[in-house]
């Protein structure tokens, strides 16, 4: 997927049917949490799926600000898991790691 598509307005795609407590919907947007920034890749009633070029600090709590429209919604959550899923080419042409993480949201 091109970098231009990732920077465009968020897209919510069809939900995924899996053996999960809550269904999730794929999304394309951005997020910021403290000094960590990356892509929002899916959302559910209880959490977020995120990707970034740096590892996420597992069990850290924080405020996650999503890049959706002008409102920039914020959610409180905790990073529950993180793993390296591969690499991608940065906008400068360098290879960089891609980490995927799951965030449990509080008080929704």
C-alpha atoms as a PDB file:
ATOM      1  CA  UNK A   1       0.000   0.000   0.000  1.00  0.00           C
ATOM      2  CA  UNK A   2       1.418   3.387  -0.915  1.00  0.00           C
ATOM      3  CA  UNK A   3       2.421   5.957   1.661  1.00  0.00           C
ATOM      4  CA  UNK A   4      -0.014   8.437   0.035  1.00  0.00           C
ATOM      5  CA  UNK A   5      -2.954   6.107   0.708  1.00  0.00           C
ATOM      6  CA  UNK A   6      -1.925   5.733   4.355  1.00  0.00           C
ATOM      7  CA  UNK A   7      -1.843   9.518   4.788  1.00  0.00           C
ATOM      8  CA  UNK A   8      -5.279  10.027   3.243  1.00  0.00           C
ATOM      9  CA  UNK A   9      -8.531  10.182   5.153  1.00  0.00           C
ATOM     10  CA  UNK A  10      -9.220   7.072   7.252  1.00  0.00           C
ATOM     11  CA  UNK A  11     -11.067   4.191   5.694  1.00  0.00           C
ATOM     12  CA  UNK A  12     -13.146   1.721   7.653  1.00  0.00           C
ATOM     13  CA  UNK A  13     -13.389  -1.556   5.778  1.00  0.00           C
ATOM     14  CA  UNK A  14     -15.545  -4.632   6.290  1.00  0.00           C
ATOM     15  CA  UNK A  15     -15.355  -6.258   9.689  1.00  0.00           C
ATOM     16  CA  UNK A  16     -13.383  -9.455  10.090  1.00  0.00           C
ATOM     17  CA  UNK A  17     -15.258 -12.529  11.226  1.00  0.00           C
ATOM     18  CA  UNK A  18     -13.030 -14.334  13.717  1.00  0.00           C
ATOM     19  CA  UNK A  19     -13.262 -16.051  17.053  1.00  0.00           C
ATOM     20  CA  UNK A  20     -12.967 -12.810  18.989  1.00  0.00           C
ATOM     21  CA  UNK A  21     -15.060 -11.361  21.742  1.00  0.00           C
ATOM     22  CA  UNK A  22     -15.775  -8.259  19.630  1.00  0.00           C
ATOM     23  CA  UNK A  23     -15.614  -7.899  15.866  1.00  0.00           C
ATOM     24  CA  UNK A  24     -12.965  -5.590  14.532  1.00  0.00           C
ATOM     25  CA  UNK A  25     -12.949  -3.281  11.561  1.00  0.00           C
ATOM     26  CA  UNK A  26      -9.915  -2.564   9.500  1.00  0.00           C
ATOM     27  CA  UNK A  27      -8.944   1.083   9.474  1.00  0.00           C
ATOM     28  CA  UNK A  28      -6.346   3.292   7.874  1.00  0.00           C
ATOM     29  CA  UNK A  29      -5.366   6.277   9.944  1.00  0.00           C
ATOM     30  CA  UNK A  30      -2.562   7.492  12.173  1.00  0.00           C
ATOM     31  CA  UNK A  31      -2.019   7.621  15.915  1.00  0.00           C
ATOM     32  CA  UNK A  32       0.224   9.397  18.413  1.00  0.00           C
ATOM     33  CA  UNK A  33       0.915   8.191  21.957  1.00  0.00           C
ATOM     34  CA  UNK A  34       3.611  10.210  23.702  1.00  0.00           C
ATOM     35  CA  UNK A  35       6.783   9.900  21.603  1.00  0.00           C
ATOM     36  CA  UNK A  36       5.415   6.948  19.594  1.00  0.00           C
ATOM     37  CA  UNK A  37       3.616   7.509  16.299  1.00  0.00           C
ATOM     38  CA  UNK A  38       2.415   5.136  13.620  1.00  0.00           C
ATOM     39  CA  UNK A  39      -0.592   3.629  11.854  1.00  0.00           C
ATOM     40  CA  UNK A  40      -3.951   2.597  13.212  1.00  0.00           C
ATOM     41  CA  UNK A  41      -4.803  -0.636  11.354  1.00  0.00           C
ATOM     42  CA  UNK A  42      -7.931  -1.929  13.081  1.00  0.00           C
ATOM     43  CA  UNK A  43     -10.435  -1.041  15.784  1.00  0.00           C
ATOM     44  CA  UNK A  44     -12.918  -2.977  17.895  1.00  0.00           C
ATOM     45  CA  UNK A  45     -15.229  -2.227  20.789  1.00  0.00           C
ATOM     46  CA  UNK A  46     -12.438  -3.038  23.239  1.00  0.00           C
ATOM     47  CA  UNK A  47      -9.183  -2.106  21.532  1.00  0.00           C
ATOM     48  CA  UNK A  48      -6.918  -0.871  18.764  1.00  0.00           C
ATOM     49  CA  UNK A  49      -4.469  -2.579  16.425  1.00  0.00           C
ATOM     50  CA  UNK A  50      -1.407  -0.407  15.778  1.00  0.00           C
ATOM     51  CA  UNK A  51       1.792  -0.548  13.699  1.00  0.00           C
ATOM     52  CA  UNK A  52       4.972   1.499  14.117  1.00  0.00           C
ATOM     53  CA  UNK A  53       8.692   1.371  13.217  1.00  0.00           C
ATOM     54  CA  UNK A  54       9.672   1.105  16.900  1.00  0.00           C
ATOM     55  CA  UNK A  55       8.644  -1.518  19.463  1.00  0.00           C
ATOM     56  CA  UNK A  56       5.751  -0.675  21.753  1.00  0.00           C
ATOM     57  CA  UNK A  57       6.396  -0.801  25.525  1.00  0.00           C
ATOM     58  CA  UNK A  58       4.158  -3.699  26.618  1.00  0.00           C
ATOM     59  CA  UNK A  59       1.910  -2.973  29.627  1.00  0.00           C
ATOM     60  CA  UNK A  60       2.489   0.788  29.342  1.00  0.00           C
ATOM     61  CA  UNK A  61      -0.658   2.874  29.752  1.00  0.00           C
ATOM     62  CA  UNK A  62      -1.245   6.070  27.876  1.00  0.00           C
ATOM     63  CA  UNK A  63      -3.450   8.334  25.824  1.00  0.00           C
ATOM     64  CA  UNK A  64      -3.791   7.406  22.156  1.00  0.00           C
ATOM     65  CA  UNK A  65      -4.734  10.258  19.820  1.00  0.00           C
ATOM     66  CA  UNK A  66      -6.117   9.144  16.467  1.00  0.00           C
ATOM     67  CA  UNK A  67      -5.713  11.137  13.255  1.00  0.00           C
ATOM     68  CA  UNK A  68      -9.375  10.974  12.267  1.00  0.00           C
ATOM     69  CA  UNK A  69     -10.833  14.182  10.908  1.00  0.00           C
ATOM     70  CA  UNK A  70     -10.641  17.431  12.810  1.00  0.00           C
ATOM     71  CA  UNK A  71     -11.854  16.012  16.119  1.00  0.00           C
ATOM     72  CA  UNK A  72      -8.686  13.925  16.816  1.00  0.00           C
ATOM     73  CA  UNK A  73     -10.367  11.506  19.256  1.00  0.00           C
ATOM     74  CA  UNK A  74      -8.358  10.401  22.285  1.00  0.00           C
ATOM     75  CA  UNK A  75      -8.563   7.084  24.113  1.00  0.00           C
ATOM     76  CA  UNK A  76      -6.960   5.790  27.292  1.00  0.00           C
ATOM     77  CA  UNK A  77      -5.496   2.330  26.966  1.00  0.00           C
ATOM     78  CA  UNK A  78      -2.747  -0.154  27.746  1.00  0.00           C
ATOM     79  CA  UNK A  79      -0.420  -1.882  25.297  1.00  0.00           C
ATOM     80  CA  UNK A  80      -1.109  -5.596  25.831  1.00  0.00           C
ATOM     81  CA  UNK A  81       1.279  -7.184  23.336  1.00  0.00           C
ATOM     82  CA  UNK A  82       3.835  -6.300  20.662  1.00  0.00           C
ATOM     83  CA  UNK A  83       5.694  -8.276  18.003  1.00  0.00           C
ATOM     84  CA  UNK A  84       7.889  -7.664  14.977  1.00  0.00           C
ATOM     85  CA  UNK A  85       5.879  -8.487  11.844  1.00  0.00           C
ATOM     86  CA  UNK A  86       8.345  -7.545   9.094  1.00  0.00           C
ATOM     87  CA  UNK A  87      10.010  -4.631   7.366  1.00  0.00           C
ATOM     88  CA  UNK A  88       8.985  -1.927   4.912  1.00  0.00           C
ATOM     89  CA  UNK A  89      10.679   0.777   2.895  1.00  0.00           C
ATOM     90  CA  UNK A  90      10.548   4.249   4.462  1.00  0.00           C
ATOM     91  CA  UNK A  91       9.831   7.411   2.475  1.00  0.00           C
ATOM     92  CA  UNK A  92      13.627   7.960   2.387  1.00  0.00           C
ATOM     93  CA  UNK A  93      14.140   4.525   0.764  1.00  0.00           C
ATOM     94  CA  UNK A  94      15.578   2.842   3.872  1.00  0.00           C
ATOM     95  CA  UNK A  95      14.391  -0.507   5.188  1.00  0.00           C
ATOM     96  CA  UNK A  96      12.769  -0.203   8.605  1.00  0.00           C
ATOM     97  CA  UNK A  97      11.125  -2.702  10.972  1.00  0.00           C
ATOM     98  CA  UNK A  98       7.354  -2.857  11.446  1.00  0.00           C
ATOM     99  CA  UNK A  99       6.023  -3.707  14.902  1.00  0.00           C
ATOM    100  CA  UNK A 100       2.394  -4.621  15.497  1.00  0.00           C
ATOM    101  CA  UNK A 101       0.691  -4.093  18.864  1.00  0.00           C
ATOM    102  CA  UNK A 102      -2.670  -4.574  20.495  1.00  0.00           C
ATOM    103  CA  UNK A 103      -4.073  -1.924  22.842  1.00  0.00           C
ATOM    104  CA  UNK A 104      -6.840  -2.598  25.352  1.00  0.00           C
ATOM    105  CA  UNK A 105      -9.014   0.496  25.801  1.00  0.00           C
ATOM    106  CA  UNK A 106     -10.405   1.662  29.148  1.00  0.00           C
ATOM    107  CA  UNK A 107     -13.873   2.996  29.989  1.00  0.00           C
ATOM    108  CA  UNK A 108     -15.548   3.012  26.616  1.00  0.00           C
END
